[in-house]
Amino acid sequence: MRAVFETEIAALARDGLTPQEFARAKKKLLGQNAIGLQSNAGLAARCALDELYGVGFDDHLRLRADLDALTLEGVRDVARRWLLDRPSVTAVARPETEPEVES
């Protein structure tokens, strides 16, 4: 499994994303953000966490502008700088034993 991740990271750093992949990723992030903010609880949680992280309670309002400012080359540069040839840790979580089936 680790080899698959390393191969994908190397491809991202080398080739970057296609314009279609990039546009689809942006749309997905915007959609997920909108879904998360549909309820009062979701909005309150987001605002509270954004304050906790120090970005301001209204950070979610800047998401579209932040995504519009991203470039394909910028994504590839980040992958090269922060993901390629960096030490990493792989964590695998699985049950210690098979779960018991209740009858």
N, C-alpha and C. Protein backbone atom coordinates (compact mmCIF):
# COMPACT_ATOMS: atom_id res chain seq x y z
N MET A 1 0.83 -1.19 0.00
CA MET A 1 0.00 0.00 0.00
C MET A 1 0.87 1.25 0.00
N ARG A 2 1.93 1.24 0.77
CA ARG A 2 2.80 2.41 0.84
C ARG A 2 3.39 2.73 -0.53
N ALA A 3 3.75 1.70 -1.28
CA ALA A 3 4.32 1.91 -2.61
C ALA A 3 3.34 2.65 -3.52
N VAL A 4 2.06 2.38 -3.38
CA VAL A 4 1.05 3.05 -4.19
C VAL A 4 1.04 4.55 -3.87
N PHE A 5 1.08 4.89 -2.59
CA PHE A 5 1.10 6.30 -2.20
C PHE A 5 2.36 6.98 -2.73
N GLU A 6 3.51 6.33 -2.57
CA GLU A 6 4.76 6.92 -3.04
C GLU A 6 4.75 7.14 -4.54
N THR A 7 4.16 6.20 -5.28
CA THR A 7 4.06 6.33 -6.74
C THR A 7 3.17 7.52 -7.10
N GLU A 8 2.05 7.66 -6.43
CA GLU A 8 1.13 8.77 -6.71
C GLU A 8 1.75 10.11 -6.34
N ILE A 9 2.45 10.17 -5.23
CA ILE A 9 3.11 11.42 -4.82
C ILE A 9 4.18 11.80 -5.84
N ALA A 10 4.96 10.83 -6.28
CA ALA A 10 5.99 11.10 -7.28
C ALA A 10 5.37 11.59 -8.59
N ALA A 11 4.27 10.98 -9.01
CA ALA A 11 3.60 11.40 -10.24
C ALA A 11 3.04 12.81 -10.10
N LEU A 12 2.47 13.13 -8.94
CA LEU A 12 1.94 14.46 -8.70
C LEU A 12 3.06 15.50 -8.75
N ALA A 13 4.19 15.19 -8.11
CA ALA A 13 5.31 16.12 -8.10
C ALA A 13 5.94 16.27 -9.48
N ARG A 14 5.97 15.20 -10.24
CA ARG A 14 6.59 15.22 -11.56
C ARG A 14 5.67 15.84 -12.62
N ASP A 15 4.43 15.36 -12.66
CA ASP A 15 3.52 15.73 -13.73
C ASP A 15 2.44 16.73 -13.33
N GLY A 16 2.18 16.83 -12.05
CA GLY A 16 1.10 17.68 -11.59
C GLY A 16 -0.26 17.07 -11.91
N LEU A 17 -1.28 17.86 -11.76
CA LEU A 17 -2.64 17.43 -12.07
C LEU A 17 -3.00 17.89 -13.48
N THR A 18 -3.96 17.21 -14.07
CA THR A 18 -4.50 17.71 -15.33
C THR A 18 -5.45 18.86 -14.99
N PRO A 19 -5.72 19.73 -15.93
CA PRO A 19 -6.68 20.80 -15.65
C PRO A 19 -8.05 20.27 -15.22
N GLN A 20 -8.46 19.13 -15.77
CA GLN A 20 -9.75 18.54 -15.40
C GLN A 20 -9.72 18.04 -13.95
N GLU A 21 -8.63 17.37 -13.55
CA GLU A 21 -8.51 16.90 -12.17
C GLU A 21 -8.51 18.07 -11.20
N PHE A 22 -7.81 19.12 -11.57
CA PHE A 22 -7.71 20.31 -10.73
C PHE A 22 -9.08 20.96 -10.54
N ALA A 23 -9.82 21.12 -11.63
CA ALA A 23 -11.16 21.72 -11.55
C ALA A 23 -12.10 20.84 -10.73
N ARG A 24 -12.02 19.52 -10.92
CA ARG A 24 -12.88 18.60 -10.18
C ARG A 24 -12.57 18.65 -8.68
N ALA A 25 -11.30 18.73 -8.33
CA ALA A 25 -10.92 18.81 -6.92
C ALA A 25 -11.45 20.08 -6.27
N LYS A 26 -11.35 21.19 -6.98
CA LYS A 26 -11.87 22.45 -6.45
C LYS A 26 -13.39 22.37 -6.23
N LYS A 27 -14.10 21.84 -7.21
CA LYS A 27 -15.55 21.71 -7.08
C LYS A 27 -15.92 20.80 -5.92
N LYS A 28 -15.16 19.73 -5.75
CA LYS A 28 -15.45 18.81 -4.64
C LYS A 28 -15.26 19.51 -3.29
N LEU A 29 -14.18 20.26 -3.14
CA LEU A 29 -13.95 20.98 -1.89
C LEU A 29 -15.05 22.00 -1.62
N LEU A 30 -15.47 22.72 -2.65
CA LEU A 30 -16.56 23.69 -2.47
C LEU A 30 -17.85 23.00 -2.08
N GLY A 31 -18.14 21.87 -2.72
CA GLY A 31 -19.35 21.12 -2.40
C GLY A 31 -19.34 20.56 -1.00
N GLN A 32 -18.21 19.98 -0.60
CA GLN A 32 -18.11 19.44 0.76
C GLN A 32 -18.24 20.54 1.79
N ASN A 33 -17.64 21.69 1.50
CA ASN A 33 -17.74 22.82 2.42
C ASN A 33 -19.19 23.26 2.56
N ALA A 34 -19.90 23.37 1.46
CA ALA A 34 -21.30 23.80 1.50
C ALA A 34 -22.16 22.81 2.27
N ILE A 35 -21.93 21.53 2.07
CA ILE A 35 -22.69 20.51 2.81
C ILE A 35 -22.42 20.62 4.31
N GLY A 36 -21.17 20.83 4.67
CA GLY A 36 -20.81 20.93 6.09
C GLY A 36 -21.39 22.14 6.78
N LEU A 37 -21.73 23.17 6.00
CA LEU A 37 -22.26 24.40 6.58
C LEU A 37 -23.77 24.50 6.51
N GLN A 38 -24.44 23.45 6.07
CA GLN A 38 -25.90 23.49 5.91
C GLN A 38 -26.66 23.59 7.22
N SER A 39 -26.12 23.02 8.27
CA SER A 39 -26.82 23.05 9.55
C SER A 39 -26.18 24.10 10.46
N ASN A 40 -26.97 24.55 11.44
CA ASN A 40 -26.42 25.49 12.42
C ASN A 40 -25.27 24.86 13.19
N ALA A 41 -25.39 23.56 13.48
CA ALA A 41 -24.33 22.87 14.22
C ALA A 41 -23.05 22.82 13.39
N GLY A 42 -23.18 22.55 12.10
CA GLY A 42 -22.02 22.50 11.23
C GLY A 42 -21.33 23.85 11.11
N LEU A 43 -22.13 24.89 10.96
CA LEU A 43 -21.58 26.25 10.87
C LEU A 43 -20.91 26.64 12.18
N ALA A 44 -21.55 26.34 13.30
CA ALA A 44 -20.98 26.68 14.60
C ALA A 44 -19.66 25.95 14.84
N ALA A 45 -19.63 24.68 14.48
CA ALA A 45 -18.40 23.90 14.66
C ALA A 45 -17.29 24.46 13.79
N ARG A 46 -17.60 24.79 12.55
CA ARG A 46 -16.59 25.33 11.64
C ARG A 46 -16.07 26.66 12.16
N CYS A 47 -16.96 27.56 12.58
CA CYS A 47 -16.54 28.86 13.10
C CYS A 47 -15.68 28.70 14.35
N ALA A 48 -16.09 27.80 15.24
CA ALA A 48 -15.33 27.58 16.47
C ALA A 48 -13.93 27.03 16.16
N LEU A 49 -13.86 26.06 15.28
CA LEU A 49 -12.55 25.48 14.93
C LEU A 49 -11.67 26.50 14.22
N ASP A 50 -12.26 27.29 13.33
CA ASP A 50 -11.47 28.31 12.64
C ASP A 50 -10.91 29.33 13.62
N GLU A 51 -11.70 29.70 14.63
CA GLU A 51 -11.18 30.60 15.68
C GLU A 51 -10.05 29.91 16.45
N LEU A 52 -10.26 28.65 16.79
CA LEU A 52 -9.25 27.89 17.51
C LEU A 52 -7.95 27.82 16.72
N TYR A 53 -8.06 27.64 15.40
CA TYR A 53 -6.87 27.54 14.54
C TYR A 53 -6.25 28.89 14.24
N GLY A 54 -6.94 29.97 14.65
CA GLY A 54 -6.38 31.30 14.47
C GLY A 54 -6.60 31.92 13.10
N VAL A 55 -7.53 31.39 12.31
CA VAL A 55 -7.77 31.95 10.98
C VAL A 55 -9.01 32.84 10.93
N GLY A 56 -9.72 32.94 12.03
CA GLY A 56 -10.91 33.78 12.09
C GLY A 56 -12.17 33.00 11.82
N PHE A 57 -13.22 33.33 12.54
CA PHE A 57 -14.48 32.58 12.46
C PHE A 57 -15.10 32.61 11.07
N ASP A 58 -14.75 33.60 10.25
CA ASP A 58 -15.35 33.73 8.93
C ASP A 58 -14.44 33.21 7.81
N ASP A 59 -13.47 32.40 8.15
CA ASP A 59 -12.54 31.89 7.15
C ASP A 59 -13.25 31.13 6.04
N HIS A 60 -14.32 30.45 6.38
CA HIS A 60 -15.05 29.67 5.37
C HIS A 60 -15.58 30.55 4.23
N LEU A 61 -15.77 31.84 4.49
CA LEU A 61 -16.27 32.74 3.46
C LEU A 61 -15.21 33.04 2.39
N ARG A 62 -13.95 32.76 2.68
CA ARG A 62 -12.86 33.03 1.75
C ARG A 62 -12.44 31.81 0.93
N LEU A 63 -13.11 30.68 1.15
CA LEU A 63 -12.69 29.44 0.49
C LEU A 63 -12.68 29.57 -1.02
N ARG A 64 -13.74 30.08 -1.62
CA ARG A 64 -13.80 30.19 -3.08
C ARG A 64 -12.64 31.05 -3.60
N ALA A 65 -12.40 32.18 -2.98
CA ALA A 65 -11.31 33.05 -3.42
C ALA A 65 -9.95 32.37 -3.24
N ASP A 66 -9.79 31.64 -2.14
CA ASP A 66 -8.54 30.92 -1.92
C ASP A 66 -8.34 29.84 -2.98
N LEU A 67 -9.39 29.12 -3.32
CA LEU A 67 -9.27 28.09 -4.35
C LEU A 67 -9.03 28.71 -5.72
N ASP A 68 -9.66 29.83 -6.00
CA ASP A 68 -9.45 30.50 -7.28
C ASP A 68 -8.00 30.99 -7.42
N ALA A 69 -7.36 31.28 -6.29
CA ALA A 69 -5.98 31.75 -6.33
C ALA A 69 -4.96 30.63 -6.56
N LEU A 70 -5.39 29.39 -6.38
CA LEU A 70 -4.48 28.26 -6.59
C LEU A 70 -4.19 28.07 -8.07
N THR A 71 -2.97 27.59 -8.36
CA THR A 71 -2.59 27.28 -9.73
C THR A 71 -2.10 25.84 -9.81
N LEU A 72 -2.14 25.28 -11.00
CA LEU A 72 -1.63 23.93 -11.20
C LEU A 72 -0.16 23.85 -10.82
N GLU A 73 0.61 24.83 -11.23
CA GLU A 73 2.04 24.84 -10.92
C GLU A 73 2.27 24.95 -9.41
N GLY A 74 1.44 25.73 -8.74
CA GLY A 74 1.56 25.87 -7.29
C GLY A 74 1.33 24.55 -6.58
N VAL A 75 0.34 23.79 -7.01
CA VAL A 75 0.07 22.48 -6.41
C VAL A 75 1.25 21.55 -6.63
N ARG A 76 1.79 21.55 -7.84
CA ARG A 76 2.95 20.70 -8.13
C ARG A 76 4.16 21.12 -7.31
N ASP A 77 4.36 22.43 -7.14
CA ASP A 77 5.48 22.90 -6.33
C ASP A 77 5.35 22.45 -4.87
N VAL A 78 4.14 22.51 -4.34
CA VAL A 78 3.92 22.05 -2.96
C VAL A 78 4.21 20.56 -2.84
N ALA A 79 3.75 19.79 -3.81
CA ALA A 79 4.02 18.35 -3.79
C ALA A 79 5.52 18.09 -3.84
N ARG A 80 6.22 18.81 -4.67
CA ARG A 80 7.69 18.64 -4.76
C ARG A 80 8.36 19.01 -3.44
N ARG A 81 7.94 20.14 -2.89
CA ARG A 81 8.62 20.66 -1.70
C ARG A 81 8.32 19.85 -0.44
N TRP A 82 7.05 19.48 -0.24
CA TRP A 82 6.65 18.92 1.04
C TRP A 82 6.38 17.41 1.04
N LEU A 83 6.20 16.82 -0.13
CA LEU A 83 5.85 15.40 -0.15
C LEU A 83 6.91 14.50 -0.76
N LEU A 84 7.67 15.00 -1.70
CA LEU A 84 8.64 14.18 -2.41
C LEU A 84 9.91 14.02 -1.60
N ASP A 85 10.36 12.79 -1.47
CA ASP A 85 11.63 12.48 -0.78
C ASP A 85 11.68 13.01 0.65
N ARG A 86 10.56 12.93 1.33
CA ARG A 86 10.49 13.34 2.74
C ARG A 86 10.27 12.10 3.59
N PRO A 87 10.81 12.11 4.79
CA PRO A 87 10.51 10.99 5.69
C PRO A 87 9.01 10.95 5.95
N SER A 88 8.48 9.76 6.08
CA SER A 88 7.06 9.63 6.35
C SER A 88 6.81 8.50 7.33
N VAL A 89 5.63 8.49 7.87
CA VAL A 89 5.22 7.46 8.80
C VAL A 89 3.94 6.85 8.26
N THR A 90 3.84 5.55 8.32
CA THR A 90 2.62 4.85 7.91
C THR A 90 2.02 4.20 9.13
N ALA A 91 0.76 4.49 9.39
CA ALA A 91 0.06 3.89 10.52
C ALA A 91 -1.05 3.00 9.98
N VAL A 92 -1.13 1.80 10.51
CA VAL A 92 -2.17 0.85 10.11
C VAL A 92 -2.98 0.51 11.35
N ALA A 93 -4.28 0.70 11.28
CA ALA A 93 -5.16 0.39 12.41
C ALA A 93 -6.08 -0.75 11.99
N ARG A 94 -6.11 -1.76 12.80
CA ARG A 94 -7.02 -2.88 12.54
C ARG A 94 -7.39 -3.51 13.87
N PRO A 95 -8.49 -4.23 13.89
CA PRO A 95 -8.91 -4.86 15.15
C PRO A 95 -7.86 -5.87 15.62
N GLU A 96 -7.72 -5.96 16.93
CA GLU A 96 -6.78 -6.92 17.49
C GLU A 96 -7.26 -8.35 17.22
N THR A 97 -8.55 -8.51 17.32
CA THR A 97 -9.15 -9.84 17.05
C THR A 97 -10.40 -9.64 16.22
N GLU A 98 -10.93 -10.69 15.71
CA GLU A 98 -12.18 -10.62 14.98
C GLU A 98 -13.29 -10.19 15.92
N PRO A 99 -14.16 -9.27 15.48
CA PRO A 99 -15.27 -8.88 16.35
C PRO A 99 -16.23 -10.03 16.56
N GLU A 100 -16.79 -10.08 17.79
CA GLU A 100 -17.76 -11.12 18.09
C GLU A 100 -19.08 -10.80 17.44
N VAL A 101 -19.72 -11.82 16.91
CA VAL A 101 -21.03 -11.66 16.29
C VAL A 101 -22.09 -12.04 17.30
N GLU A 102 -22.99 -11.08 17.55
CA GLU A 102 -24.07 -11.38 18.48
C GLU A 102 -25.16 -12.13 17.77
N SER A 103 -25.74 -13.12 18.47
CA SER A 103 -26.82 -13.88 17.83
C SER A 103 -28.12 -13.66 18.53
